[in-house]
Amino acid sequence: MQAITPQLFHDKYSQNSLAASNHEWSNLQLITLIFFMVGKNFLKNSYT
């Protein structure tokens, strides 16, 4: 059985927070992309 050391806890916590920030970043990119596409279509439709 592995002893739970502060270092082990820190490593697990760092990996989890890194995964969470990557997940949030991909959501942010997706939202930005959707707004960009909608905005582009809106501009195109308003000019024609």
PDB file of N, CA and C in Angstrom:
ATOM      1  N   MET A   1       0.844  -1.193   0.000  1.00  0.00           N
ATOM      2  CA  MET A   1       0.000   0.000   0.000  1.00  0.00           C
ATOM      3  C   MET A   1       0.884   1.251   0.000  1.00  0.00           C
ATOM      4  N   GLN A   2       0.523   2.193  -0.859  1.00  0.00           N
ATOM      5  CA  GLN A   2       1.352   3.393  -0.991  1.00  0.00           C
ATOM      6  C   GLN A   2       0.973   4.414   0.074  1.00  0.00           C
ATOM      7  N   ALA A   3       1.983   4.991   0.698  1.00  0.00           N
ATOM      8  CA  ALA A   3       1.739   6.016   1.705  1.00  0.00           C
ATOM      9  C   ALA A   3       1.305   7.309   1.021  1.00  0.00           C
ATOM     10  N   ILE A   4       0.327   7.966   1.621  1.00  0.00           N
ATOM     11  CA  ILE A   4      -0.152   9.227   1.053  1.00  0.00           C
ATOM     12  C   ILE A   4       0.714  10.356   1.598  1.00  0.00           C
ATOM     13  N   THR A   5       1.626  10.819   0.760  1.00  0.00           N
ATOM     14  CA  THR A   5       2.521  11.905   1.142  1.00  0.00           C
ATOM     15  C   THR A   5       1.996  13.215   0.569  1.00  0.00           C
ATOM     16  N   PRO A   6       2.399  14.327   1.130  1.00  0.00           N
ATOM     17  CA  PRO A   6       1.992  15.621   0.568  1.00  0.00           C
ATOM     18  C   PRO A   6       2.355  15.745  -0.915  1.00  0.00           C
ATOM     19  N   GLN A   7       3.500  15.160  -1.309  1.00  0.00           N
ATOM     20  CA  GLN A   7       3.925  15.247  -2.706  1.00  0.00           C
ATOM     21  C   GLN A   7       2.944  14.509  -3.617  1.00  0.00           C
ATOM     22  N   LEU A   8       2.527  13.323  -3.193  1.00  0.00           N
ATOM     23  CA  LEU A   8       1.575  12.535  -3.977  1.00  0.00           C
ATOM     24  C   LEU A   8       0.251  13.298  -4.101  1.00  0.00           C
ATOM     25  N   PHE A   9      -0.205  13.850  -2.994  1.00  0.00           N
ATOM     26  CA  PHE A   9      -1.448  14.615  -3.000  1.00  0.00           C
ATOM     27  C   PHE A   9      -1.335  15.822  -3.932  1.00  0.00           C
ATOM     28  N   HIS A  10      -0.187  16.474  -3.875  1.00  0.00           N
ATOM     29  CA  HIS A  10       0.046  17.648  -4.722  1.00  0.00           C
ATOM     30  C   HIS A  10       0.049  17.266  -6.204  1.00  0.00           C
ATOM     31  N   ASP A  11       0.687  16.140  -6.541  1.00  0.00           N
ATOM     32  CA  ASP A  11       0.722  15.682  -7.935  1.00  0.00           C
ATOM     33  C   ASP A  11      -0.683  15.398  -8.457  1.00  0.00           C
ATOM     34  N   LYS A  12      -1.483  14.689  -7.658  1.00  0.00           N
ATOM     35  CA  LYS A  12      -2.852  14.384  -8.072  1.00  0.00           C
ATOM     36  C   LYS A  12      -3.650  15.675  -8.250  1.00  0.00           C
ATOM     37  N   TYR A  13      -3.500  16.593  -7.290  1.00  0.00           N
ATOM     38  CA  TYR A  13      -4.247  17.847  -7.347  1.00  0.00           C
ATOM     39  C   TYR A  13      -3.855  18.663  -8.570  1.00  0.00           C
ATOM     40  N   SER A  14      -2.556  18.683  -8.878  1.00  0.00           N
ATOM     41  CA  SER A  14      -2.077  19.446 -10.035  1.00  0.00           C
ATOM     42  C   SER A  14      -2.630  18.870 -11.335  1.00  0.00           C
ATOM     43  N   GLN A  15      -2.640  17.551 -11.448  1.00  0.00           N
ATOM     44  CA  GLN A  15      -3.156  16.920 -12.664  1.00  0.00           C
ATOM     45  C   GLN A  15      -4.643  17.207 -12.818  1.00  0.00           C
ATOM     46  N   ASN A  16      -5.391  17.138 -11.715  1.00  0.00           N
ATOM     47  CA  ASN A  16      -6.825  17.394 -11.782  1.00  0.00           C
ATOM     48  C   ASN A  16      -7.123  18.836 -12.166  1.00  0.00           C
ATOM     49  N   SER A  17      -6.400  19.772 -11.578  1.00  0.00           N
ATOM     50  CA  SER A  17      -6.647  21.178 -11.885  1.00  0.00           C
ATOM     51  C   SER A  17      -6.231  21.495 -13.323  1.00  0.00           C
ATOM     52  N   LEU A  18      -5.181  20.838 -13.798  1.00  0.00           N
ATOM     53  CA  LEU A  18      -4.743  21.037 -15.177  1.00  0.00           C
ATOM     54  C   LEU A  18      -5.800  20.512 -16.148  1.00  0.00           C
ATOM     55  N   ALA A  19      -6.357  19.338 -15.844  1.00  0.00           N
ATOM     56  CA  ALA A  19      -7.409  18.771 -16.696  1.00  0.00           C
ATOM     57  C   ALA A  19      -8.637  19.678 -16.684  1.00  0.00           C
ATOM     58  N   ALA A  20      -8.975  20.224 -15.531  1.00  0.00           N
ATOM     59  CA  ALA A  20     -10.135  21.102 -15.428  1.00  0.00           C
ATOM     60  C   ALA A  20      -9.926  22.386 -16.230  1.00  0.00           C
ATOM     61  N   SER A  21      -8.722  22.949 -16.152  1.00  0.00           N
ATOM     62  CA  SER A  21      -8.469  24.189 -16.885  1.00  0.00           C
ATOM     63  C   SER A  21      -8.450  23.930 -18.390  1.00  0.00           C
ATOM     64  N   ASN A  22      -7.951  22.770 -18.816  1.00  0.00           N
ATOM     65  CA  ASN A  22      -7.997  22.421 -20.234  1.00  0.00           C
ATOM     66  C   ASN A  22      -9.432  22.272 -20.708  1.00  0.00           C
ATOM     67  N   HIS A  23     -10.278  21.675 -19.870  1.00  0.00           N
ATOM     68  CA  HIS A  23     -11.681  21.481 -20.222  1.00  0.00           C
ATOM     69  C   HIS A  23     -12.384  22.829 -20.355  1.00  0.00           C
ATOM     70  N   GLU A  24     -12.117  23.724 -19.413  1.00  0.00           N
ATOM     71  CA  GLU A  24     -12.718  25.062 -19.476  1.00  0.00           C
ATOM     72  C   GLU A  24     -12.223  25.812 -20.709  1.00  0.00           C
ATOM     73  N   TRP A  25     -10.958  25.645 -21.034  1.00  0.00           N
ATOM     74  CA  TRP A  25     -10.380  26.340 -22.191  1.00  0.00           C
ATOM     75  C   TRP A  25     -11.029  25.858 -23.478  1.00  0.00           C
ATOM     76  N   SER A  26     -11.268  24.531 -23.601  1.00  0.00           N
ATOM     77  CA  SER A  26     -11.898  24.014 -24.819  1.00  0.00           C
ATOM     78  C   SER A  26     -13.335  24.511 -24.918  1.00  0.00           C
ATOM     79  N   ASN A  27     -14.030  24.616 -23.783  1.00  0.00           N
ATOM     80  CA  ASN A  27     -15.383  25.178 -23.802  1.00  0.00           C
ATOM     81  C   ASN A  27     -15.358  26.627 -24.254  1.00  0.00           C
ATOM     82  N   LEU A  28     -14.379  27.377 -23.767  1.00  0.00           N
ATOM     83  CA  LEU A  28     -14.261  28.788 -24.139  1.00  0.00           C
ATOM     84  C   LEU A  28     -13.995  28.927 -25.636  1.00  0.00           C
ATOM     85  N   GLN A  29     -13.123  28.078 -26.176  1.00  0.00           N
ATOM     86  CA  GLN A  29     -12.849  28.106 -27.615  1.00  0.00           C
ATOM     87  C   GLN A  29     -14.106  27.791 -28.413  1.00  0.00           C
ATOM     88  N   LEU A  30     -14.879  26.812 -27.943  1.00  0.00           N
ATOM     89  CA  LEU A  30     -16.094  26.415 -28.643  1.00  0.00           C
ATOM     90  C   LEU A  30     -17.102  27.555 -28.658  1.00  0.00           C
ATOM     91  N   ILE A  31     -17.283  28.208 -27.512  1.00  0.00           N
ATOM     92  CA  ILE A  31     -18.210  29.331 -27.412  1.00  0.00           C
ATOM     93  C   ILE A  31     -17.768  30.474 -28.322  1.00  0.00           C
ATOM     94  N   THR A  32     -16.469  30.763 -28.324  1.00  0.00           N
ATOM     95  CA  THR A  32     -15.934  31.822 -29.184  1.00  0.00           C
ATOM     96  C   THR A  32     -16.172  31.502 -30.654  1.00  0.00           C
ATOM     97  N   LEU A  33     -15.961  30.244 -31.027  1.00  0.00           N
ATOM     98  CA  LEU A  33     -16.168  29.824 -32.407  1.00  0.00           C
ATOM     99  C   LEU A  33     -17.631  29.978 -32.809  1.00  0.00           C
ATOM    100  N   ILE A  34     -18.547  29.584 -31.907  1.00  0.00           N
ATOM    101  CA  ILE A  34     -19.980  29.702 -32.199  1.00  0.00           C
ATOM    102  C   ILE A  34     -20.366  31.171 -32.369  1.00  0.00           C
ATOM    103  N   PHE A  35     -19.908  32.023 -31.472  1.00  0.00           N
ATOM    104  CA  PHE A  35     -20.214  33.458 -31.584  1.00  0.00           C
ATOM    105  C   PHE A  35     -19.646  34.035 -32.883  1.00  0.00           C
ATOM    106  N   PHE A  36     -18.461  33.587 -33.260  1.00  0.00           N
ATOM    107  CA  PHE A  36     -17.831  34.074 -34.487  1.00  0.00           C
ATOM    108  C   PHE A  36     -18.659  33.677 -35.710  1.00  0.00           C
ATOM    109  N   MET A  37     -19.082  32.408 -35.759  1.00  0.00           N
ATOM    110  CA  MET A  37     -19.869  31.921 -36.893  1.00  0.00           C
ATOM    111  C   MET A  37     -21.222  32.637 -36.967  1.00  0.00           C
ATOM    112  N   VAL A  38     -21.881  32.777 -35.829  1.00  0.00           N
ATOM    113  CA  VAL A  38     -23.186  33.455 -35.788  1.00  0.00           C
ATOM    114  C   VAL A  38     -23.033  34.910 -36.195  1.00  0.00           C
ATOM    115  N   GLY A  39     -22.002  35.570 -35.678  1.00  0.00           N
ATOM    116  CA  GLY A  39     -21.762  36.975 -36.002  1.00  0.00           C
ATOM    117  C   GLY A  39     -21.469  37.168 -37.486  1.00  0.00           C
ATOM    118  N   LYS A  40     -20.691  36.247 -38.062  1.00  0.00           N
ATOM    119  CA  LYS A  40     -20.358  36.336 -39.476  1.00  0.00           C
ATOM    120  C   LYS A  40     -21.618  36.171 -40.334  1.00  0.00           C
ATOM    121  N   ASN A  41     -22.455  35.205 -39.969  1.00  0.00           N
ATOM    122  CA  ASN A  41     -23.702  34.998 -40.711  1.00  0.00           C
ATOM    123  C   ASN A  41     -24.632  36.199 -40.554  1.00  0.00           C
ATOM    124  N   PHE A  42     -24.668  36.768 -39.360  1.00  0.00           N
ATOM    125  CA  PHE A  42     -25.531  37.926 -39.112  1.00  0.00           C
ATOM    126  C   PHE A  42     -25.092  39.113 -39.964  1.00  0.00           C
ATOM    127  N   LEU A  43     -23.792  39.368 -40.022  1.00  0.00           N
ATOM    128  CA  LEU A  43     -23.276  40.467 -40.846  1.00  0.00           C
ATOM    129  C   LEU A  43     -23.573  40.232 -42.324  1.00  0.00           C
ATOM    130  N   LYS A  44     -23.376  39.007 -42.768  1.00  0.00           N
ATOM    131  CA  LYS A  44     -23.607  38.671 -44.164  1.00  0.00           C
ATOM    132  C   LYS A  44     -25.084  38.883 -44.524  1.00  0.00           C
ATOM    133  N   ASN A  45     -25.979  38.473 -43.625  1.00  0.00           N
ATOM    134  CA  ASN A  45     -27.407  38.605 -43.895  1.00  0.00           C
ATOM    135  C   ASN A  45     -27.873  40.059 -43.831  1.00  0.00           C
ATOM    136  N   SER A  46     -27.270  40.856 -42.976  1.00  0.00           N
ATOM    137  CA  SER A  46     -27.714  42.238 -42.834  1.00  0.00           C
ATOM    138  C   SER A  46     -27.243  43.102 -44.012  1.00  0.00           C
ATOM    139  N   TYR A  47     -26.161  42.701 -44.681  1.00  0.00           N
ATOM    140  CA  TYR A  47     -25.662  43.498 -45.813  1.00  0.00           C
ATOM    141  C   TYR A  47     -26.378  43.152 -47.114  1.00  0.00           C
ATOM    142  N   THR A  48     -26.887  41.918 -47.221  1.00  0.00           N
ATOM    143  CA  THR A  48     -27.530  41.524 -48.472  1.00  0.00           C
ATOM    144  C   THR A  48     -29.012  41.838 -48.463  1.00  0.00           C
TER     145      THR A  48
END
